[in-house]
Amino acid sequence: MVEVAWRAVRADPHWRRHIAELKQHMHTNQAIVTIAHHLLVVVWHVLTRHEPYRHYSPERIAYLYPEGA
């Protein structure tokens, strides 16, 4: 999950801002574990409550994953 957190921090502006805030208060490794925990909570909500991931719009997802690709 930590590897996923690193990827999210590099790819997603939301998580990039979040780790920048966390790094002001803790070591980078602690911040990335916190991000990993938050991602796990997000995944849990998406899967159990059938809630969409709110930081991406359907248009953004369609752009990232076009049909037929």
PDB file of N, CA and C in Angstrom:
ATOM      1  N   MET A   1       0.821  -1.187   0.000  1.00  0.00           N
ATOM      2  CA  MET A   1       0.000   0.000   0.000  1.00  0.00           C
ATOM      3  C   MET A   1       0.872   1.260   0.000  1.00  0.00           C
ATOM      4  N   VAL A   2       2.038   1.168   0.594  1.00  0.00           N
ATOM      5  CA  VAL A   2       2.944   2.315   0.611  1.00  0.00           C
ATOM      6  C   VAL A   2       3.414   2.650  -0.797  1.00  0.00           C
ATOM      7  N   GLU A   3       3.661   1.635  -1.617  1.00  0.00           N
ATOM      8  CA  GLU A   3       4.066   1.885  -3.004  1.00  0.00           C
ATOM      9  C   GLU A   3       2.945   2.587  -3.769  1.00  0.00           C
ATOM     10  N   VAL A   4       1.716   2.201  -3.510  1.00  0.00           N
ATOM     11  CA  VAL A   4       0.566   2.855  -4.138  1.00  0.00           C
ATOM     12  C   VAL A   4       0.487   4.312  -3.678  1.00  0.00           C
ATOM     13  N   ALA A   5       0.778   4.546  -2.421  1.00  0.00           N
ATOM     14  CA  ALA A   5       0.751   5.909  -1.893  1.00  0.00           C
ATOM     15  C   ALA A   5       1.798   6.774  -2.583  1.00  0.00           C
ATOM     16  N   TRP A   6       2.994   6.241  -2.787  1.00  0.00           N
ATOM     17  CA  TRP A   6       4.023   7.001  -3.501  1.00  0.00           C
ATOM     18  C   TRP A   6       3.562   7.342  -4.912  1.00  0.00           C
ATOM     19  N   ARG A   7       2.945   6.387  -5.577  1.00  0.00           N
ATOM     20  CA  ARG A   7       2.449   6.629  -6.936  1.00  0.00           C
ATOM     21  C   ARG A   7       1.346   7.679  -6.929  1.00  0.00           C
ATOM     22  N   ALA A   8       0.457   7.608  -5.960  1.00  0.00           N
ATOM     23  CA  ALA A   8      -0.620   8.593  -5.869  1.00  0.00           C
ATOM     24  C   ALA A   8      -0.069   9.996  -5.626  1.00  0.00           C
ATOM     25  N   VAL A   9       0.945  10.101  -4.790  1.00  0.00           N
ATOM     26  CA  VAL A   9       1.555  11.399  -4.492  1.00  0.00           C
ATOM     27  C   VAL A   9       2.191  11.991  -5.746  1.00  0.00           C
ATOM     28  N   ARG A  10       2.781  11.143  -6.567  1.00  0.00           N
ATOM     29  CA  ARG A  10       3.422  11.633  -7.788  1.00  0.00           C
ATOM     30  C   ARG A  10       2.411  11.966  -8.881  1.00  0.00           C
ATOM     31  N   ALA A  11       1.269  11.298  -8.908  1.00  0.00           N
ATOM     32  CA  ALA A  11       0.347  11.419 -10.032  1.00  0.00           C
ATOM     33  C   ALA A  11      -0.859  12.316  -9.770  1.00  0.00           C
ATOM     34  N   ASP A  12      -1.274  12.444  -8.532  1.00  0.00           N
ATOM     35  CA  ASP A  12      -2.538  13.120  -8.229  1.00  0.00           C
ATOM     36  C   ASP A  12      -2.278  14.401  -7.439  1.00  0.00           C
ATOM     37  N   PRO A  13      -2.723  15.552  -7.947  1.00  0.00           N
ATOM     38  CA  PRO A  13      -2.494  16.819  -7.233  1.00  0.00           C
ATOM     39  C   PRO A  13      -3.096  16.852  -5.824  1.00  0.00           C
ATOM     40  N   HIS A  14      -4.216  16.165  -5.630  1.00  0.00           N
ATOM     41  CA  HIS A  14      -4.836  16.136  -4.295  1.00  0.00           C
ATOM     42  C   HIS A  14      -3.883  15.510  -3.279  1.00  0.00           C
ATOM     43  N   TRP A  15      -3.344  14.356  -3.600  1.00  0.00           N
ATOM     44  CA  TRP A  15      -2.444  13.661  -2.668  1.00  0.00           C
ATOM     45  C   TRP A  15      -1.102  14.380  -2.567  1.00  0.00           C
ATOM     46  N   ARG A  16      -0.672  15.061  -3.634  1.00  0.00           N
ATOM     47  CA  ARG A  16       0.572  15.842  -3.589  1.00  0.00           C
ATOM     48  C   ARG A  16       0.435  16.979  -2.580  1.00  0.00           C
ATOM     49  N   ARG A  17      -0.706  17.668  -2.602  1.00  0.00           N
ATOM     50  CA  ARG A  17      -0.935  18.742  -1.625  1.00  0.00           C
ATOM     51  C   ARG A  17      -1.009  18.183  -0.205  1.00  0.00           C
ATOM     52  N   HIS A  18      -1.665  17.029  -0.087  1.00  0.00           N
ATOM     53  CA  HIS A  18      -1.842  16.422   1.238  1.00  0.00           C
ATOM     54  C   HIS A  18      -0.494  16.033   1.850  1.00  0.00           C
ATOM     55  N   ILE A  19       0.396  15.442   1.068  1.00  0.00           N
ATOM     56  CA  ILE A  19       1.698  15.042   1.632  1.00  0.00           C
ATOM     57  C   ILE A  19       2.551  16.268   1.935  1.00  0.00           C
ATOM     58  N   ALA A  20       2.412  17.324   1.138  1.00  0.00           N
ATOM     59  CA  ALA A  20       3.175  18.544   1.423  1.00  0.00           C
ATOM     60  C   ALA A  20       2.778  19.109   2.787  1.00  0.00           C
ATOM     61  N   GLU A  21       1.488  19.068   3.099  1.00  0.00           N
ATOM     62  CA  GLU A  21       1.025  19.533   4.404  1.00  0.00           C
ATOM     63  C   GLU A  21       1.532  18.631   5.530  1.00  0.00           C
ATOM     64  N   LEU A  22       1.467  17.324   5.295  1.00  0.00           N
ATOM     65  CA  LEU A  22       1.900  16.381   6.329  1.00  0.00           C
ATOM     66  C   LEU A  22       3.395  16.477   6.609  1.00  0.00           C
ATOM     67  N   LYS A  23       4.186  16.694   5.561  1.00  0.00           N
ATOM     68  CA  LYS A  23       5.645  16.742   5.728  1.00  0.00           C
ATOM     69  C   LYS A  23       6.101  17.930   6.561  1.00  0.00           C
ATOM     70  N   GLN A  24       5.248  18.914   6.733  1.00  0.00           N
ATOM     71  CA  GLN A  24       5.594  20.040   7.594  1.00  0.00           C
ATOM     72  C   GLN A  24       5.570  19.641   9.066  1.00  0.00           C
ATOM     73  N   HIS A  25       4.855  18.554   9.364  1.00  0.00           N
ATOM     74  CA  HIS A  25       4.667  18.150  10.759  1.00  0.00           C
ATOM     75  C   HIS A  25       5.329  16.824  11.118  1.00  0.00           C
ATOM     76  N   MET A  26       5.777  16.070  10.109  1.00  0.00           N
ATOM     77  CA  MET A  26       6.350  14.750  10.394  1.00  0.00           C
ATOM     78  C   MET A  26       7.358  14.369   9.323  1.00  0.00           C
ATOM     79  N   HIS A  27       8.076  13.292   9.560  1.00  0.00           N
ATOM     80  CA  HIS A  27       9.055  12.771   8.619  1.00  0.00           C
ATOM     81  C   HIS A  27       8.352  12.260   7.361  1.00  0.00           C
ATOM     82  N   THR A  28       9.062  12.279   6.246  1.00  0.00           N
ATOM     83  CA  THR A  28       8.483  11.858   4.967  1.00  0.00           C
ATOM     84  C   THR A  28       7.928  10.442   5.026  1.00  0.00           C
ATOM     85  N   ASN A  29       8.632   9.533   5.677  1.00  0.00           N
ATOM     86  CA  ASN A  29       8.159   8.146   5.753  1.00  0.00           C
ATOM     87  C   ASN A  29       6.854   8.046   6.553  1.00  0.00           C
ATOM     88  N   GLN A  30       6.743   8.811   7.608  1.00  0.00           N
ATOM     89  CA  GLN A  30       5.503   8.821   8.380  1.00  0.00           C
ATOM     90  C   GLN A  30       4.373   9.414   7.552  1.00  0.00           C
ATOM     91  N   ALA A  31       4.677  10.436   6.782  1.00  0.00           N
ATOM     92  CA  ALA A  31       3.656  11.070   5.941  1.00  0.00           C
ATOM     93  C   ALA A  31       3.152  10.110   4.877  1.00  0.00           C
ATOM     94  N   ILE A  32       4.037   9.344   4.267  1.00  0.00           N
ATOM     95  CA  ILE A  32       3.609   8.431   3.211  1.00  0.00           C
ATOM     96  C   ILE A  32       2.776   7.292   3.788  1.00  0.00           C
ATOM     97  N   VAL A  33       3.079   6.850   5.001  1.00  0.00           N
ATOM     98  CA  VAL A  33       2.259   5.819   5.647  1.00  0.00           C
ATOM     99  C   VAL A  33       0.878   6.391   5.967  1.00  0.00           C
ATOM    100  N   THR A  34       0.817   7.650   6.352  1.00  0.00           N
ATOM    101  CA  THR A  34      -0.469   8.300   6.591  1.00  0.00           C
ATOM    102  C   THR A  34      -1.273   8.380   5.298  1.00  0.00           C
ATOM    103  N   ILE A  35      -0.619   8.718   4.203  1.00  0.00           N
ATOM    104  CA  ILE A  35      -1.287   8.752   2.899  1.00  0.00           C
ATOM    105  C   ILE A  35      -1.788   7.357   2.538  1.00  0.00           C
ATOM    106  N   ALA A  36      -0.978   6.334   2.777  1.00  0.00           N
ATOM    107  CA  ALA A  36      -1.383   4.961   2.485  1.00  0.00           C
ATOM    108  C   ALA A  36      -2.631   4.592   3.288  1.00  0.00           C
ATOM    109  N   HIS A  37      -2.669   5.003   4.542  1.00  0.00           N
ATOM    110  CA  HIS A  37      -3.848   4.736   5.375  1.00  0.00           C
ATOM    111  C   HIS A  37      -5.074   5.440   4.808  1.00  0.00           C
ATOM    112  N   HIS A  38      -4.924   6.694   4.427  1.00  0.00           N
ATOM    113  CA  HIS A  38      -6.041   7.441   3.853  1.00  0.00           C
ATOM    114  C   HIS A  38      -6.523   6.789   2.559  1.00  0.00           C
ATOM    115  N   LEU A  39      -5.589   6.330   1.734  1.00  0.00           N
ATOM    116  CA  LEU A  39      -5.976   5.641   0.499  1.00  0.00           C
ATOM    117  C   LEU A  39      -6.747   4.363   0.795  1.00  0.00           C
ATOM    118  N   LEU A  40      -6.315   3.645   1.814  1.00  0.00           N
ATOM    119  CA  LEU A  40      -7.022   2.425   2.190  1.00  0.00           C
ATOM    120  C   LEU A  40      -8.448   2.726   2.639  1.00  0.00           C
ATOM    121  N   VAL A  41      -8.619   3.807   3.372  1.00  0.00           N
ATOM    122  CA  VAL A  41      -9.961   4.227   3.788  1.00  0.00           C
ATOM    123  C   VAL A  41     -10.797   4.602   2.566  1.00  0.00           C
ATOM    124  N   VAL A  42     -10.199   5.300   1.615  1.00  0.00           N
ATOM    125  CA  VAL A  42     -10.917   5.670   0.386  1.00  0.00           C
ATOM    126  C   VAL A  42     -11.351   4.420  -0.364  1.00  0.00           C
ATOM    127  N   VAL A  43     -10.450   3.464  -0.517  1.00  0.00           N
ATOM    128  CA  VAL A  43     -10.785   2.218  -1.214  1.00  0.00           C
ATOM    129  C   VAL A  43     -11.924   1.505  -0.487  1.00  0.00           C
ATOM    130  N   TRP A  44     -11.868   1.464   0.826  1.00  0.00           N
ATOM    131  CA  TRP A  44     -12.926   0.813   1.601  1.00  0.00           C
ATOM    132  C   TRP A  44     -14.277   1.473   1.344  1.00  0.00           C
ATOM    133  N   HIS A  45     -14.307   2.806   1.357  1.00  0.00           N
ATOM    134  CA  HIS A  45     -15.568   3.518   1.115  1.00  0.00           C
ATOM    135  C   HIS A  45     -16.084   3.271  -0.303  1.00  0.00           C
ATOM    136  N   VAL A  46     -15.196   3.289  -1.265  1.00  0.00           N
ATOM    137  CA  VAL A  46     -15.613   3.053  -2.654  1.00  0.00           C
ATOM    138  C   VAL A  46     -16.205   1.658  -2.804  1.00  0.00           C
ATOM    139  N   LEU A  47     -15.579   0.668  -2.185  1.00  0.00           N
ATOM    140  CA  LEU A  47     -16.036  -0.705  -2.356  1.00  0.00           C
ATOM    141  C   LEU A  47     -17.244  -1.072  -1.499  1.00  0.00           C
ATOM    142  N   THR A  48     -17.298  -0.610  -0.270  1.00  0.00           N
ATOM    143  CA  THR A  48     -18.380  -1.040   0.618  1.00  0.00           C
ATOM    144  C   THR A  48     -19.614  -0.159   0.532  1.00  0.00           C
ATOM    145  N   ARG A  49     -19.414   1.118   0.344  1.00  0.00           N
ATOM    146  CA  ARG A  49     -20.554   2.038   0.307  1.00  0.00           C
ATOM    147  C   ARG A  49     -20.951   2.423  -1.112  1.00  0.00           C
ATOM    148  N   HIS A  50     -20.219   1.921  -2.075  1.00  0.00           N
ATOM    149  CA  HIS A  50     -20.475   2.211  -3.493  1.00  0.00           C
ATOM    150  C   HIS A  50     -20.473   3.712  -3.756  1.00  0.00           C
ATOM    151  N   GLU A  51     -19.548   4.398  -3.103  1.00  0.00           N
ATOM    152  CA  GLU A  51     -19.399   5.831  -3.298  1.00  0.00           C
ATOM    153  C   GLU A  51     -18.343   6.066  -4.365  1.00  0.00           C
ATOM    154  N   PRO A  52     -18.575   7.017  -5.259  1.00  0.00           N
ATOM    155  CA  PRO A  52     -17.540   7.306  -6.258  1.00  0.00           C
ATOM    156  C   PRO A  52     -16.360   8.037  -5.613  1.00  0.00           C
ATOM    157  N   TYR A  53     -15.205   7.904  -6.231  1.00  0.00           N
ATOM    158  CA  TYR A  53     -14.028   8.639  -5.777  1.00  0.00           C
ATOM    159  C   TYR A  53     -14.238  10.094  -6.147  1.00  0.00           C
ATOM    160  N   ARG A  54     -14.342  10.958  -5.167  1.00  0.00           N
ATOM    161  CA  ARG A  54     -14.792  12.326  -5.420  1.00  0.00           C
ATOM    162  C   ARG A  54     -13.732  13.262  -5.986  1.00  0.00           C
ATOM    163  N   HIS A  55     -12.479  12.850  -6.035  1.00  0.00           N
ATOM    164  CA  HIS A  55     -11.441  13.741  -6.540  1.00  0.00           C
ATOM    165  C   HIS A  55     -11.249  13.610  -8.045  1.00  0.00           C
ATOM    166  N   TYR A  56     -11.980  12.708  -8.672  1.00  0.00           N
ATOM    167  CA  TYR A  56     -11.954  12.588 -10.133  1.00  0.00           C
ATOM    168  C   TYR A  56     -13.378  12.667 -10.642  1.00  0.00           C
ATOM    169  N   SER A  57     -13.579  13.436 -11.675  1.00  0.00           N
ATOM    170  CA  SER A  57     -14.890  13.494 -12.311  1.00  0.00           C
ATOM    171  C   SER A  57     -14.991  12.361 -13.328  1.00  0.00           C
ATOM    172  N   PRO A  58     -16.197  11.990 -13.734  1.00  0.00           N
ATOM    173  CA  PRO A  58     -16.340  10.955 -14.770  1.00  0.00           C
ATOM    174  C   PRO A  58     -15.611  11.328 -16.063  1.00  0.00           C
ATOM    175  N   GLU A  59     -15.559  12.626 -16.377  1.00  0.00           N
ATOM    176  CA  GLU A  59     -14.849  13.062 -17.584  1.00  0.00           C
ATOM    177  C   GLU A  59     -13.348  12.801 -17.463  1.00  0.00           C
ATOM    178  N   ARG A  60     -12.806  13.037 -16.283  1.00  0.00           N
ATOM    179  CA  ARG A  60     -11.366  12.806 -16.053  1.00  0.00           C
ATOM    180  C   ARG A  60     -11.044  11.322 -16.152  1.00  0.00           C
ATOM    181  N   ILE A  61     -11.902  10.480 -15.613  1.00  0.00           N
ATOM    182  CA  ILE A  61     -11.684   9.039 -15.686  1.00  0.00           C
ATOM    183  C   ILE A  61     -11.777   8.571 -17.125  1.00  0.00           C
ATOM    184  N   ALA A  62     -12.753   9.098 -17.878  1.00  0.00           N
ATOM    185  CA  ALA A  62     -12.898   8.726 -19.288  1.00  0.00           C
ATOM    186  C   ALA A  62     -11.670   9.162 -20.083  1.00  0.00           C
ATOM    187  N   TYR A  63     -11.078  10.301 -19.718  1.00  0.00           N
ATOM    188  CA  TYR A  63      -9.873  10.767 -20.397  1.00  0.00           C
ATOM    189  C   TYR A  63      -8.691   9.862 -20.091  1.00  0.00           C
ATOM    190  N   LEU A  64      -8.582   9.425 -18.846  1.00  0.00           N
ATOM    191  CA  LEU A  64      -7.469   8.565 -18.462  1.00  0.00           C
ATOM    192  C   LEU A  64      -7.604   7.162 -19.028  1.00  0.00           C
ATOM    193  N   TYR A  65      -8.833   6.688 -19.161  1.00  0.00           N
ATOM    194  CA  TYR A  65      -9.077   5.318 -19.612  1.00  0.00           C
ATOM    195  C   TYR A  65     -10.076   5.319 -20.769  1.00  0.00           C
ATOM    196  N   PRO A  66      -9.626   5.721 -21.973  1.00  0.00           N
ATOM    197  CA  PRO A  66     -10.562   5.762 -23.101  1.00  0.00           C
ATOM    198  C   PRO A  66     -11.040   4.378 -23.501  1.00  0.00           C
ATOM    199  N   GLU A  67     -12.252   4.324 -24.058  1.00  0.00           N
ATOM    200  CA  GLU A  67     -12.804   3.042 -24.494  1.00  0.00           C
ATOM    201  C   GLU A  67     -11.976   2.491 -25.646  1.00  0.00           C
ATOM    202  N   GLY A  68     -11.824   1.187 -25.661  1.00  0.00           N
ATOM    203  CA  GLY A  68     -11.098   0.525 -26.735  1.00  0.00           C
ATOM    204  C   GLY A  68      -9.590   0.552 -26.583  1.00  0.00           C
ATOM    205  N   ALA A  69      -9.109   1.153 -25.519  1.00  0.00           N
ATOM    206  CA  ALA A  69      -7.657   1.226 -25.336  1.00  0.00           C
ATOM    207  C   ALA A  69      -7.148   0.046 -24.541  1.00  0.00           C
TER     208      ALA A  69
END
